[in-house]
Amino acid sequence: MRVLTPDHPLIAHKLTYLRDRRTDSPTFRRLADELVTLLAYEATREVRTTPVELETPVAPTSGVHLSSPKPVIIPILRAGLGMLDGMCRLLPTAEVGFLGMLRNEETLEAVTYANRLPEDLSGRQCYVLDPMLATGGTLVQTARYLVDRGADDITMVTLLSAPEGIEALQQATASLDVPITLVTGAVDERLDEHGYIVPGLGDAGDRLYGVV
């Protein structure tokens, strides 16, 4: 598994405001959207393309189109929804599927409660959106699920990651015969005893949408 942490001052700038407990939900949503767009440039670096020939107003030339089948963007509900627009801005023709997962606060394991994905993902590049890679349970389960459905290339985009989550994801996906890439805004210090990223930014879902 490749881990990419783009080094860009705008990413660091937006993360600083996302971490600040004084940042309100509307501002948090806007900054998360902007940050995902920046991360998406790196995440889509190896999106598949097909050569095409075309005519400009001046002369013939060649270019590329995104290949078929179209890539699939998969936000993890609910917090991943706050990242969807930023990703779709760069891949407007991609299809969108959804996975709903909750973390059991006692076992810290992910439980799936919703699934809106194609049954067959054969030959598809998948872009998974989840703000936080903490214990790794959600993204481990997601990777296995997508591979079982035929996905042959998976890129995961997170705002923040913990070293423990990265290690868990690397170990769990090492046996999967599919390239997996993690693109994250930053790798933080550690997890606390409750499985939250330190220093982190709190509960991303609550900060995006309020406590429900």
N, C-alpha and C. Protein backbone atom coordinates (compact mmCIF):
# COMPACT_ATOMS: atom_id res chain seq x y z
N MET A 1 0.84 -1.19 0.00
CA MET A 1 0.00 0.00 0.00
C MET A 1 0.87 1.24 0.00
N ARG A 2 0.56 2.15 -0.88
CA ARG A 2 1.27 3.44 -0.91
C ARG A 2 0.57 4.44 -0.01
N VAL A 3 1.35 5.23 0.69
CA VAL A 3 0.79 6.31 1.52
C VAL A 3 1.37 7.63 1.01
N LEU A 4 0.49 8.53 0.59
CA LEU A 4 0.91 9.82 0.05
C LEU A 4 0.36 10.93 0.93
N THR A 5 1.26 11.81 1.37
CA THR A 5 0.88 12.98 2.15
C THR A 5 1.37 14.21 1.41
N PRO A 6 0.55 14.79 0.54
CA PRO A 6 1.00 15.92 -0.29
C PRO A 6 1.51 17.07 0.58
N ASP A 7 2.67 17.60 0.21
CA ASP A 7 3.28 18.70 0.96
C ASP A 7 2.94 20.00 0.25
N HIS A 8 1.92 20.69 0.76
CA HIS A 8 1.49 21.93 0.13
C HIS A 8 1.04 22.90 1.21
N PRO A 9 1.45 24.15 1.14
CA PRO A 9 1.09 25.10 2.20
C PRO A 9 -0.41 25.33 2.33
N LEU A 10 -1.17 25.23 1.24
CA LEU A 10 -2.62 25.42 1.35
C LEU A 10 -3.28 24.27 2.10
N ILE A 11 -2.74 23.06 1.94
CA ILE A 11 -3.27 21.93 2.70
C ILE A 11 -3.03 22.15 4.19
N ALA A 12 -1.82 22.57 4.55
CA ALA A 12 -1.51 22.83 5.96
C ALA A 12 -2.36 23.98 6.51
N HIS A 13 -2.57 24.99 5.69
CA HIS A 13 -3.37 26.15 6.10
C HIS A 13 -4.81 25.74 6.41
N LYS A 14 -5.42 24.97 5.52
CA LYS A 14 -6.82 24.58 5.72
C LYS A 14 -6.95 23.60 6.87
N LEU A 15 -5.97 22.71 7.03
CA LEU A 15 -6.01 21.78 8.14
C LEU A 15 -5.94 22.52 9.49
N THR A 16 -5.17 23.58 9.52
CA THR A 16 -5.06 24.36 10.76
C THR A 16 -6.41 24.87 11.20
N TYR A 17 -7.19 25.41 10.28
CA TYR A 17 -8.51 25.92 10.62
C TYR A 17 -9.50 24.79 10.91
N LEU A 18 -9.35 23.65 10.23
CA LEU A 18 -10.22 22.51 10.52
C LEU A 18 -9.98 21.98 11.92
N ARG A 19 -8.75 22.03 12.39
CA ARG A 19 -8.43 21.54 13.73
C ARG A 19 -8.97 22.46 14.83
N ASP A 20 -9.07 23.74 14.55
CA ASP A 20 -9.43 24.73 15.56
C ASP A 20 -10.85 24.49 16.06
N ARG A 21 -11.00 24.31 17.38
CA ARG A 21 -12.32 24.04 17.95
C ARG A 21 -13.28 25.19 17.77
N ARG A 22 -12.77 26.39 17.49
CA ARG A 22 -13.63 27.56 17.31
C ARG A 22 -14.24 27.64 15.92
N THR A 23 -13.77 26.82 14.98
CA THR A 23 -14.30 26.85 13.61
C THR A 23 -15.73 26.29 13.59
N ASP A 24 -16.68 27.09 13.10
CA ASP A 24 -18.07 26.64 13.11
C ASP A 24 -18.35 25.67 11.96
N SER A 25 -19.52 25.01 12.01
CA SER A 25 -19.85 23.97 11.03
C SER A 25 -19.87 24.47 9.59
N PRO A 26 -20.49 25.64 9.27
CA PRO A 26 -20.46 26.09 7.87
C PRO A 26 -19.05 26.31 7.35
N THR A 27 -18.18 26.89 8.18
CA THR A 27 -16.79 27.10 7.76
C THR A 27 -16.07 25.77 7.65
N PHE A 28 -16.34 24.87 8.57
CA PHE A 28 -15.72 23.55 8.54
C PHE A 28 -16.07 22.82 7.25
N ARG A 29 -17.36 22.87 6.85
CA ARG A 29 -17.79 22.21 5.63
C ARG A 29 -17.08 22.79 4.41
N ARG A 30 -16.99 24.11 4.36
CA ARG A 30 -16.35 24.76 3.21
C ARG A 30 -14.87 24.40 3.13
N LEU A 31 -14.19 24.42 4.26
CA LEU A 31 -12.76 24.11 4.27
C LEU A 31 -12.50 22.64 3.93
N ALA A 32 -13.35 21.75 4.44
CA ALA A 32 -13.20 20.33 4.10
C ALA A 32 -13.37 20.11 2.60
N ASP A 33 -14.35 20.77 2.02
CA ASP A 33 -14.59 20.68 0.58
C ASP A 33 -13.37 21.16 -0.21
N GLU A 34 -12.80 22.30 0.21
CA GLU A 34 -11.63 22.84 -0.48
C GLU A 34 -10.41 21.92 -0.31
N LEU A 35 -10.25 21.38 0.90
CA LEU A 35 -9.11 20.51 1.15
C LEU A 35 -9.20 19.23 0.32
N VAL A 36 -10.40 18.66 0.20
CA VAL A 36 -10.56 17.45 -0.59
C VAL A 36 -10.20 17.71 -2.06
N THR A 37 -10.57 18.87 -2.57
CA THR A 37 -10.22 19.19 -3.96
C THR A 37 -8.71 19.19 -4.14
N LEU A 38 -7.98 19.74 -3.17
CA LEU A 38 -6.52 19.73 -3.25
C LEU A 38 -5.98 18.29 -3.19
N LEU A 39 -6.51 17.49 -2.28
CA LEU A 39 -6.06 16.10 -2.16
C LEU A 39 -6.44 15.28 -3.39
N ALA A 40 -7.55 15.65 -4.03
CA ALA A 40 -8.02 14.91 -5.20
C ALA A 40 -7.05 15.01 -6.37
N TYR A 41 -6.32 16.12 -6.48
CA TYR A 41 -5.33 16.22 -7.55
C TYR A 41 -4.32 15.09 -7.44
N GLU A 42 -3.86 14.82 -6.22
CA GLU A 42 -2.91 13.74 -6.00
C GLU A 42 -3.57 12.38 -6.15
N ALA A 43 -4.79 12.26 -5.63
CA ALA A 43 -5.49 10.98 -5.64
C ALA A 43 -5.79 10.51 -7.07
N THR A 44 -6.01 11.45 -7.98
CA THR A 44 -6.37 11.09 -9.36
C THR A 44 -5.18 11.09 -10.32
N ARG A 45 -3.99 11.14 -9.76
CA ARG A 45 -2.80 11.21 -10.62
C ARG A 45 -2.72 10.02 -11.58
N GLU A 46 -3.20 8.86 -11.15
CA GLU A 46 -3.13 7.66 -11.98
C GLU A 46 -4.51 7.19 -12.45
N VAL A 47 -5.45 8.12 -12.55
CA VAL A 47 -6.75 7.75 -13.10
C VAL A 47 -6.54 7.30 -14.55
N ARG A 48 -7.28 6.29 -14.95
CA ARG A 48 -7.06 5.69 -16.27
C ARG A 48 -7.63 6.57 -17.38
N THR A 49 -6.86 6.68 -18.45
CA THR A 49 -7.28 7.49 -19.58
C THR A 49 -7.09 6.72 -20.88
N THR A 50 -7.78 7.17 -21.92
CA THR A 50 -7.70 6.57 -23.26
C THR A 50 -7.33 7.66 -24.26
N PRO A 51 -6.34 7.39 -25.14
CA PRO A 51 -5.97 8.41 -26.14
C PRO A 51 -7.11 8.68 -27.12
N VAL A 52 -7.25 9.93 -27.52
CA VAL A 52 -8.25 10.31 -28.51
C VAL A 52 -7.64 11.32 -29.48
N GLU A 53 -8.21 11.34 -30.68
CA GLU A 53 -7.82 12.33 -31.69
C GLU A 53 -8.94 13.35 -31.80
N LEU A 54 -8.58 14.63 -32.00
CA LEU A 54 -9.59 15.67 -32.10
C LEU A 54 -9.09 16.81 -32.98
N GLU A 55 -10.01 17.71 -33.28
CA GLU A 55 -9.70 18.89 -34.08
C GLU A 55 -9.88 20.13 -33.22
N THR A 56 -8.86 20.92 -33.08
CA THR A 56 -9.02 22.23 -32.47
C THR A 56 -9.47 23.21 -33.54
N PRO A 57 -9.81 24.44 -33.22
CA PRO A 57 -10.14 25.42 -34.27
C PRO A 57 -8.98 25.70 -35.22
N VAL A 58 -7.78 25.22 -34.84
CA VAL A 58 -6.59 25.54 -35.64
C VAL A 58 -6.02 24.32 -36.37
N ALA A 59 -5.98 23.17 -35.69
CA ALA A 59 -5.31 22.02 -36.29
C ALA A 59 -5.71 20.73 -35.58
N PRO A 60 -5.45 19.57 -36.20
CA PRO A 60 -5.66 18.30 -35.52
C PRO A 60 -4.65 18.14 -34.38
N THR A 61 -5.06 17.40 -33.35
CA THR A 61 -4.15 17.10 -32.25
C THR A 61 -4.65 15.86 -31.53
N SER A 62 -3.95 15.46 -30.51
CA SER A 62 -4.34 14.29 -29.73
C SER A 62 -4.51 14.69 -28.27
N GLY A 63 -5.28 13.91 -27.55
CA GLY A 63 -5.51 14.16 -26.14
C GLY A 63 -5.94 12.88 -25.46
N VAL A 64 -6.58 13.00 -24.30
CA VAL A 64 -7.05 11.81 -23.58
C VAL A 64 -8.44 12.07 -23.01
N HIS A 65 -9.19 11.00 -22.89
CA HIS A 65 -10.46 10.99 -22.18
C HIS A 65 -10.34 9.98 -21.03
N LEU A 66 -11.16 10.16 -19.99
CA LEU A 66 -11.21 9.13 -18.95
C LEU A 66 -11.71 7.83 -19.56
N SER A 67 -11.10 6.73 -19.16
CA SER A 67 -11.43 5.42 -19.72
C SER A 67 -12.75 4.90 -19.18
N SER A 68 -13.31 3.94 -19.89
CA SER A 68 -14.47 3.20 -19.42
C SER A 68 -14.00 1.83 -18.93
N PRO A 69 -14.62 1.26 -17.90
CA PRO A 69 -15.76 1.80 -17.17
C PRO A 69 -15.36 2.99 -16.29
N LYS A 70 -16.34 3.82 -16.00
CA LYS A 70 -16.08 5.03 -15.24
C LYS A 70 -15.61 4.70 -13.82
N PRO A 71 -14.77 5.57 -13.24
CA PRO A 71 -14.41 5.37 -11.84
C PRO A 71 -15.63 5.56 -10.94
N VAL A 72 -15.54 5.00 -9.74
CA VAL A 72 -16.62 5.09 -8.76
C VAL A 72 -16.11 5.83 -7.52
N ILE A 73 -16.84 6.85 -7.09
CA ILE A 73 -16.53 7.57 -5.86
C ILE A 73 -17.44 7.04 -4.76
N ILE A 74 -16.85 6.70 -3.61
CA ILE A 74 -17.61 6.06 -2.54
C ILE A 74 -17.38 6.79 -1.23
N PRO A 75 -18.25 7.72 -0.87
CA PRO A 75 -18.15 8.33 0.46
C PRO A 75 -18.69 7.36 1.52
N ILE A 76 -17.99 7.33 2.66
CA ILE A 76 -18.46 6.54 3.79
C ILE A 76 -19.39 7.43 4.61
N LEU A 77 -20.66 7.01 4.73
CA LEU A 77 -21.65 7.81 5.46
C LEU A 77 -21.33 7.80 6.95
N ARG A 78 -21.58 8.93 7.69
CA ARG A 78 -22.16 10.13 7.11
C ARG A 78 -21.11 11.16 6.77
N ALA A 79 -19.97 11.11 7.48
CA ALA A 79 -18.97 12.17 7.36
C ALA A 79 -18.37 12.26 5.97
N GLY A 80 -18.29 11.13 5.25
CA GLY A 80 -17.73 11.15 3.92
C GLY A 80 -18.50 12.00 2.93
N LEU A 81 -19.79 12.25 3.25
CA LEU A 81 -20.58 13.11 2.37
C LEU A 81 -20.00 14.51 2.29
N GLY A 82 -19.35 14.96 3.35
CA GLY A 82 -18.75 16.29 3.34
C GLY A 82 -17.55 16.40 2.42
N MET A 83 -17.10 15.27 1.87
CA MET A 83 -15.96 15.25 0.96
C MET A 83 -16.37 15.02 -0.49
N LEU A 84 -17.65 14.69 -0.69
CA LEU A 84 -18.10 14.25 -2.01
C LEU A 84 -18.00 15.35 -3.07
N ASP A 85 -18.49 16.54 -2.77
CA ASP A 85 -18.48 17.61 -3.77
C ASP A 85 -17.06 17.95 -4.21
N GLY A 86 -16.12 17.97 -3.25
CA GLY A 86 -14.75 18.28 -3.59
C GLY A 86 -14.13 17.28 -4.54
N MET A 87 -14.50 16.00 -4.39
CA MET A 87 -13.98 14.96 -5.29
C MET A 87 -14.68 15.00 -6.64
N CYS A 88 -16.00 15.20 -6.61
CA CYS A 88 -16.76 15.24 -7.86
C CYS A 88 -16.39 16.45 -8.71
N ARG A 89 -15.85 17.47 -8.09
CA ARG A 89 -15.42 18.65 -8.84
C ARG A 89 -14.36 18.27 -9.87
N LEU A 90 -13.51 17.32 -9.52
CA LEU A 90 -12.46 16.89 -10.45
C LEU A 90 -12.89 15.71 -11.31
N LEU A 91 -13.83 14.90 -10.80
CA LEU A 91 -14.30 13.74 -11.57
C LEU A 91 -15.82 13.83 -11.74
N PRO A 92 -16.30 14.83 -12.49
CA PRO A 92 -17.75 15.02 -12.59
C PRO A 92 -18.47 13.89 -13.31
N THR A 93 -17.76 13.10 -14.12
CA THR A 93 -18.43 12.02 -14.85
C THR A 93 -18.38 10.70 -14.09
N ALA A 94 -17.73 10.67 -12.94
CA ALA A 94 -17.64 9.43 -12.16
C ALA A 94 -19.02 9.06 -11.61
N GLU A 95 -19.22 7.77 -11.36
CA GLU A 95 -20.42 7.33 -10.69
C GLU A 95 -20.19 7.39 -9.19
N VAL A 96 -21.28 7.48 -8.43
CA VAL A 96 -21.18 7.61 -6.98
C VAL A 96 -21.96 6.48 -6.32
N GLY A 97 -21.30 5.79 -5.40
CA GLY A 97 -21.95 4.79 -4.57
C GLY A 97 -21.78 5.18 -3.11
N PHE A 98 -22.47 4.50 -2.21
CA PHE A 98 -22.42 4.86 -0.79
C PHE A 98 -22.27 3.63 0.07
N LEU A 99 -21.49 3.77 1.13
CA LEU A 99 -21.43 2.76 2.18
C LEU A 99 -21.67 3.46 3.52
N GLY A 100 -22.61 2.93 4.29
CA GLY A 100 -22.87 3.49 5.60
C GLY A 100 -22.26 2.61 6.67
N MET A 101 -21.39 3.19 7.49
CA MET A 101 -20.73 2.41 8.54
C MET A 101 -20.73 3.19 9.84
N LEU A 102 -20.87 2.44 10.94
CA LEU A 102 -20.78 3.00 12.28
C LEU A 102 -19.68 2.28 13.04
N ARG A 103 -19.00 3.03 13.91
CA ARG A 103 -17.99 2.41 14.75
C ARG A 103 -18.60 2.05 16.10
N ASN A 104 -18.49 0.78 16.47
CA ASN A 104 -18.90 0.35 17.80
C ASN A 104 -17.93 0.96 18.81
N GLU A 105 -18.44 1.82 19.67
CA GLU A 105 -17.56 2.57 20.57
C GLU A 105 -16.93 1.70 21.65
N GLU A 106 -17.44 0.47 21.82
CA GLU A 106 -16.83 -0.44 22.80
C GLU A 106 -15.75 -1.29 22.16
N THR A 107 -16.05 -1.86 20.98
CA THR A 107 -15.07 -2.73 20.33
C THR A 107 -14.21 -1.98 19.32
N LEU A 108 -14.64 -0.76 18.94
CA LEU A 108 -13.99 0.07 17.92
C LEU A 108 -14.02 -0.56 16.54
N GLU A 109 -14.89 -1.58 16.34
CA GLU A 109 -15.02 -2.23 15.04
C GLU A 109 -16.12 -1.56 14.22
N ALA A 110 -15.96 -1.61 12.89
CA ALA A 110 -16.92 -0.98 11.99
C ALA A 110 -18.08 -1.93 11.69
N VAL A 111 -19.29 -1.37 11.68
CA VAL A 111 -20.50 -2.13 11.37
C VAL A 111 -21.19 -1.47 10.19
N THR A 112 -21.48 -2.24 9.15
CA THR A 112 -22.14 -1.70 7.95
C THR A 112 -23.65 -1.65 8.17
N TYR A 113 -24.25 -0.49 7.87
CA TYR A 113 -25.70 -0.36 8.00
C TYR A 113 -26.38 0.08 6.70
N ALA A 114 -25.60 0.45 5.68
CA ALA A 114 -26.20 0.85 4.40
C ALA A 114 -25.22 0.54 3.27
N ASN A 115 -25.78 0.17 2.12
CA ASN A 115 -24.94 -0.19 0.97
C ASN A 115 -25.67 0.17 -0.31
N ARG A 116 -25.11 1.12 -1.05
CA ARG A 116 -25.63 1.48 -2.37
C ARG A 116 -24.48 1.47 -3.35
N LEU A 117 -24.05 0.25 -3.70
CA LEU A 117 -22.94 0.06 -4.63
C LEU A 117 -23.36 -0.92 -5.72
N PRO A 118 -22.75 -0.81 -6.92
CA PRO A 118 -23.02 -1.81 -7.95
C PRO A 118 -22.59 -3.20 -7.46
N GLU A 119 -23.33 -4.22 -7.84
CA GLU A 119 -22.96 -5.58 -7.47
C GLU A 119 -21.62 -5.98 -8.08
N ASP A 120 -21.37 -5.49 -9.29
CA ASP A 120 -20.15 -5.86 -10.02
C ASP A 120 -19.28 -4.62 -10.21
N LEU A 121 -18.10 -4.65 -9.60
CA LEU A 121 -17.14 -3.54 -9.75
C LEU A 121 -15.93 -3.96 -10.57
N SER A 122 -16.08 -4.99 -11.36
CA SER A 122 -14.96 -5.51 -12.14
C SER A 122 -14.35 -4.43 -13.03
N GLY A 123 -13.03 -4.28 -12.94
CA GLY A 123 -12.33 -3.31 -13.77
C GLY A 123 -12.51 -1.87 -13.36
N ARG A 124 -13.09 -1.62 -12.19
CA ARG A 124 -13.38 -0.25 -11.79
C ARG A 124 -12.30 0.27 -10.84
N GLN A 125 -11.93 1.53 -11.05
CA GLN A 125 -11.14 2.26 -10.07
C GLN A 125 -12.09 2.86 -9.05
N CYS A 126 -11.80 2.66 -7.77
CA CYS A 126 -12.67 3.15 -6.71
C CYS A 126 -11.94 4.18 -5.86
N TYR A 127 -12.65 5.28 -5.57
CA TYR A 127 -12.10 6.35 -4.72
C TYR A 127 -12.98 6.43 -3.47
N VAL A 128 -12.41 6.04 -2.34
CA VAL A 128 -13.14 5.97 -1.08
C VAL A 128 -12.86 7.24 -0.27
N LEU A 129 -13.92 7.86 0.23
CA LEU A 129 -13.79 9.11 0.97
C LEU A 129 -14.22 8.90 2.42
N ASP A 130 -13.31 9.18 3.35
CA ASP A 130 -13.61 9.09 4.78
C ASP A 130 -12.69 10.08 5.49
N PRO A 131 -13.23 11.04 6.24
CA PRO A 131 -12.38 12.09 6.79
C PRO A 131 -11.23 11.59 7.66
N MET A 132 -11.49 10.53 8.46
CA MET A 132 -10.51 10.12 9.45
C MET A 132 -10.13 8.65 9.29
N LEU A 133 -8.84 8.36 9.24
CA LEU A 133 -8.34 6.99 9.35
C LEU A 133 -7.79 6.86 10.76
N ALA A 134 -8.60 6.30 11.66
CA ALA A 134 -8.22 6.20 13.08
C ALA A 134 -7.72 4.79 13.37
N THR A 135 -8.62 3.89 13.79
CA THR A 135 -8.21 2.51 14.05
C THR A 135 -8.01 1.72 12.76
N GLY A 136 -8.63 2.19 11.67
CA GLY A 136 -8.50 1.50 10.39
C GLY A 136 -9.62 0.52 10.09
N GLY A 137 -10.49 0.25 11.08
CA GLY A 137 -11.51 -0.76 10.88
C GLY A 137 -12.44 -0.49 9.71
N THR A 138 -12.88 0.74 9.57
CA THR A 138 -13.82 1.08 8.49
C THR A 138 -13.18 0.88 7.12
N LEU A 139 -11.97 1.39 6.92
CA LEU A 139 -11.34 1.31 5.61
C LEU A 139 -10.85 -0.10 5.30
N VAL A 140 -10.47 -0.86 6.32
CA VAL A 140 -10.11 -2.26 6.09
C VAL A 140 -11.32 -3.03 5.57
N GLN A 141 -12.45 -2.86 6.24
CA GLN A 141 -13.67 -3.55 5.83
C GLN A 141 -14.10 -3.10 4.44
N THR A 142 -13.97 -1.81 4.16
CA THR A 142 -14.35 -1.28 2.85
C THR A 142 -13.47 -1.87 1.76
N ALA A 143 -12.16 -1.92 1.97
CA ALA A 143 -11.25 -2.45 0.96
C ALA A 143 -11.59 -3.90 0.63
N ARG A 144 -11.81 -4.71 1.64
CA ARG A 144 -12.15 -6.11 1.40
C ARG A 144 -13.46 -6.25 0.64
N TYR A 145 -14.42 -5.43 1.00
CA TYR A 145 -15.73 -5.48 0.36
C TYR A 145 -15.63 -5.12 -1.12
N LEU A 146 -14.86 -4.08 -1.43
CA LEU A 146 -14.73 -3.64 -2.82
C LEU A 146 -13.97 -4.69 -3.65
N VAL A 147 -12.95 -5.27 -3.08
CA VAL A 147 -12.20 -6.30 -3.80
C VAL A 147 -13.08 -7.52 -4.06
N ASP A 148 -13.90 -7.88 -3.08
CA ASP A 148 -14.82 -9.01 -3.28
C ASP A 148 -15.78 -8.77 -4.43
N ARG A 149 -16.08 -7.49 -4.68
CA ARG A 149 -17.00 -7.16 -5.78
C ARG A 149 -16.28 -6.91 -7.10
N GLY A 150 -14.95 -7.06 -7.12
CA GLY A 150 -14.22 -7.00 -8.38
C GLY A 150 -13.39 -5.77 -8.61
N ALA A 151 -13.39 -4.80 -7.69
CA ALA A 151 -12.58 -3.60 -7.88
C ALA A 151 -11.11 -3.98 -8.04
N ASP A 152 -10.42 -3.35 -8.97
CA ASP A 152 -9.02 -3.72 -9.20
C ASP A 152 -8.05 -2.57 -8.94
N ASP A 153 -8.54 -1.48 -8.36
CA ASP A 153 -7.67 -0.35 -7.99
C ASP A 153 -8.44 0.51 -7.00
N ILE A 154 -7.86 0.73 -5.80
CA ILE A 154 -8.56 1.46 -4.75
C ILE A 154 -7.68 2.59 -4.24
N THR A 155 -8.24 3.80 -4.24
CA THR A 155 -7.57 4.95 -3.64
C THR A 155 -8.45 5.47 -2.53
N MET A 156 -7.87 5.64 -1.34
CA MET A 156 -8.60 6.14 -0.19
C MET A 156 -8.12 7.55 0.13
N VAL A 157 -9.06 8.46 0.34
CA VAL A 157 -8.73 9.85 0.60
C VAL A 157 -9.24 10.20 1.99
N THR A 158 -8.33 10.66 2.86
CA THR A 158 -8.71 11.08 4.22
C THR A 158 -8.11 12.45 4.51
N LEU A 159 -8.78 13.18 5.41
CA LEU A 159 -8.23 14.46 5.85
C LEU A 159 -7.06 14.24 6.79
N LEU A 160 -7.23 13.29 7.71
CA LEU A 160 -6.20 12.97 8.71
C LEU A 160 -6.09 11.47 8.87
N SER A 161 -4.90 11.01 9.28
CA SER A 161 -4.70 9.59 9.56
C SER A 161 -3.85 9.44 10.82
N ALA A 162 -4.06 8.33 11.51
CA ALA A 162 -3.24 7.97 12.66
C ALA A 162 -2.28 6.87 12.26
N PRO A 163 -1.07 6.84 12.84
CA PRO A 163 -0.11 5.78 12.49
C PRO A 163 -0.67 4.38 12.72
N GLU A 164 -1.45 4.21 13.80
CA GLU A 164 -2.02 2.90 14.09
C GLU A 164 -2.98 2.45 13.00
N GLY A 165 -3.77 3.39 12.48
CA GLY A 165 -4.70 3.05 11.42
C GLY A 165 -4.00 2.71 10.12
N ILE A 166 -2.95 3.44 9.81
CA ILE A 166 -2.18 3.15 8.59
C ILE A 166 -1.56 1.76 8.69
N GLU A 167 -1.00 1.43 9.85
CA GLU A 167 -0.39 0.12 10.04
C GLU A 167 -1.42 -0.99 9.91
N ALA A 168 -2.59 -0.79 10.52
CA ALA A 168 -3.65 -1.80 10.43
C ALA A 168 -4.11 -1.99 8.99
N LEU A 169 -4.24 -0.90 8.26
CA LEU A 169 -4.68 -0.98 6.87
C LEU A 169 -3.63 -1.67 6.01
N GLN A 170 -2.36 -1.36 6.24
CA GLN A 170 -1.29 -2.00 5.48
C GLN A 170 -1.27 -3.50 5.71
N GLN A 171 -1.37 -3.91 6.97
CA GLN A 171 -1.33 -5.33 7.28
C GLN A 171 -2.53 -6.08 6.72
N ALA A 172 -3.71 -5.48 6.84
CA ALA A 172 -4.93 -6.15 6.43
C ALA A 172 -5.06 -6.26 4.91
N THR A 173 -4.47 -5.33 4.18
CA THR A 173 -4.62 -5.34 2.72
C THR A 173 -3.41 -5.93 2.00
N ALA A 174 -2.39 -6.34 2.76
CA ALA A 174 -1.18 -6.87 2.12
C ALA A 174 -1.46 -8.11 1.28
N SER A 175 -2.45 -8.88 1.68
CA SER A 175 -2.76 -10.12 0.96
C SER A 175 -3.72 -9.90 -0.21
N LEU A 176 -4.25 -8.69 -0.34
CA LEU A 176 -5.16 -8.41 -1.45
C LEU A 176 -4.35 -8.11 -2.71
N ASP A 177 -4.67 -8.79 -3.78
CA ASP A 177 -3.91 -8.63 -5.03
C ASP A 177 -4.45 -7.45 -5.83
N VAL A 178 -4.53 -6.29 -5.16
CA VAL A 178 -5.08 -5.08 -5.77
C VAL A 178 -4.26 -3.89 -5.28
N PRO A 179 -3.85 -2.98 -6.17
CA PRO A 179 -3.11 -1.81 -5.70
C PRO A 179 -4.00 -0.90 -4.86
N ILE A 180 -3.49 -0.50 -3.70
CA ILE A 180 -4.23 0.36 -2.79
C ILE A 180 -3.36 1.55 -2.43
N THR A 181 -3.94 2.75 -2.53
CA THR A 181 -3.23 3.99 -2.22
C THR A 181 -4.02 4.77 -1.19
N LEU A 182 -3.31 5.31 -0.21
CA LEU A 182 -3.92 6.21 0.77
C LEU A 182 -3.36 7.60 0.54
N VAL A 183 -4.27 8.56 0.29
CA VAL A 183 -3.88 9.97 0.17
C VAL A 183 -4.48 10.68 1.37
N THR A 184 -3.62 11.28 2.20
CA THR A 184 -4.11 11.90 3.44
C THR A 184 -3.49 13.27 3.64
N GLY A 185 -4.25 14.16 4.26
CA GLY A 185 -3.77 15.51 4.47
C GLY A 185 -2.63 15.58 5.46
N ALA A 186 -2.63 14.69 6.46
CA ALA A 186 -1.57 14.67 7.47
C ALA A 186 -1.64 13.36 8.23
N VAL A 187 -0.49 12.95 8.76
CA VAL A 187 -0.41 11.80 9.67
C VAL A 187 -0.14 12.36 11.06
N ASP A 188 -1.09 12.15 11.98
CA ASP A 188 -0.98 12.71 13.32
C ASP A 188 -0.18 11.82 14.25
N GLU A 189 -0.15 12.19 15.52
CA GLU A 189 0.75 11.54 16.49
C GLU A 189 0.33 10.12 16.84
N ARG A 190 -0.96 9.94 17.23
CA ARG A 190 -1.37 8.66 17.80
C ARG A 190 -2.87 8.64 17.99
N LEU A 191 -3.37 7.52 18.50
CA LEU A 191 -4.75 7.39 18.95
C LEU A 191 -4.79 7.47 20.47
N ASP A 192 -5.87 8.05 21.01
CA ASP A 192 -6.03 8.03 22.47
C ASP A 192 -6.74 6.75 22.89
N GLU A 193 -7.04 6.63 24.18
CA GLU A 193 -7.64 5.40 24.70
C GLU A 193 -9.05 5.16 24.18
N HIS A 194 -9.67 6.19 23.60
CA HIS A 194 -11.01 6.05 23.04
C HIS A 194 -10.98 5.83 21.51
N GLY A 195 -9.79 5.73 20.94
CA GLY A 195 -9.67 5.51 19.50
C GLY A 195 -9.81 6.76 18.68
N TYR A 196 -9.62 7.94 19.28
CA TYR A 196 -9.67 9.20 18.55
C TYR A 196 -8.25 9.66 18.21
N ILE A 197 -8.11 10.32 17.06
CA ILE A 197 -6.82 10.79 16.61
C ILE A 197 -6.38 11.99 17.44
N VAL A 198 -5.10 11.97 17.84
CA VAL A 198 -4.50 13.06 18.61
C VAL A 198 -3.36 13.68 17.80
N PRO A 199 -3.32 15.03 17.59
CA PRO A 199 -4.29 16.01 18.10
C PRO A 199 -5.61 16.02 17.34
N GLY A 200 -5.63 15.55 16.11
CA GLY A 200 -6.88 15.39 15.38
C GLY A 200 -7.66 16.67 15.16
N LEU A 201 -8.97 16.49 14.99
CA LEU A 201 -9.87 17.64 14.82
C LEU A 201 -11.24 17.38 15.43
N GLY A 202 -11.30 16.34 16.25
CA GLY A 202 -12.58 15.98 16.86
C GLY A 202 -13.35 15.00 16.00
N ASP A 203 -14.64 14.90 16.23
CA ASP A 203 -15.52 14.03 15.45
C ASP A 203 -15.90 14.77 14.16
N ALA A 204 -15.40 14.28 13.03
CA ALA A 204 -15.62 14.99 11.76
C ALA A 204 -17.10 15.09 11.40
N GLY A 205 -17.86 14.02 11.66
CA GLY A 205 -19.30 14.06 11.34
C GLY A 205 -20.03 15.10 12.15
N ASP A 206 -19.73 15.17 13.44
CA ASP A 206 -20.38 16.17 14.29
C ASP A 206 -20.00 17.58 13.88
N ARG A 207 -18.75 17.76 13.50
CA ARG A 207 -18.30 19.11 13.14
C ARG A 207 -18.82 19.54 11.77
N LEU A 208 -19.08 18.56 10.92
CA LEU A 208 -19.67 18.88 9.61
C LEU A 208 -21.16 19.17 9.72
N TYR A 209 -21.87 18.36 10.48
CA TYR A 209 -23.33 18.37 10.44
C TYR A 209 -24.01 18.62 11.78
N GLY A 210 -23.24 18.73 12.86
CA GLY A 210 -23.82 18.88 14.17
C GLY A 210 -24.03 17.54 14.83
N VAL A 211 -24.29 17.57 16.14
CA VAL A 211 -24.49 16.34 16.91
C VAL A 211 -25.93 15.85 16.70
N VAL A 212 -26.06 14.57 16.30
CA VAL A 212 -27.40 14.00 16.10
C VAL A 212 -27.50 12.69 16.86
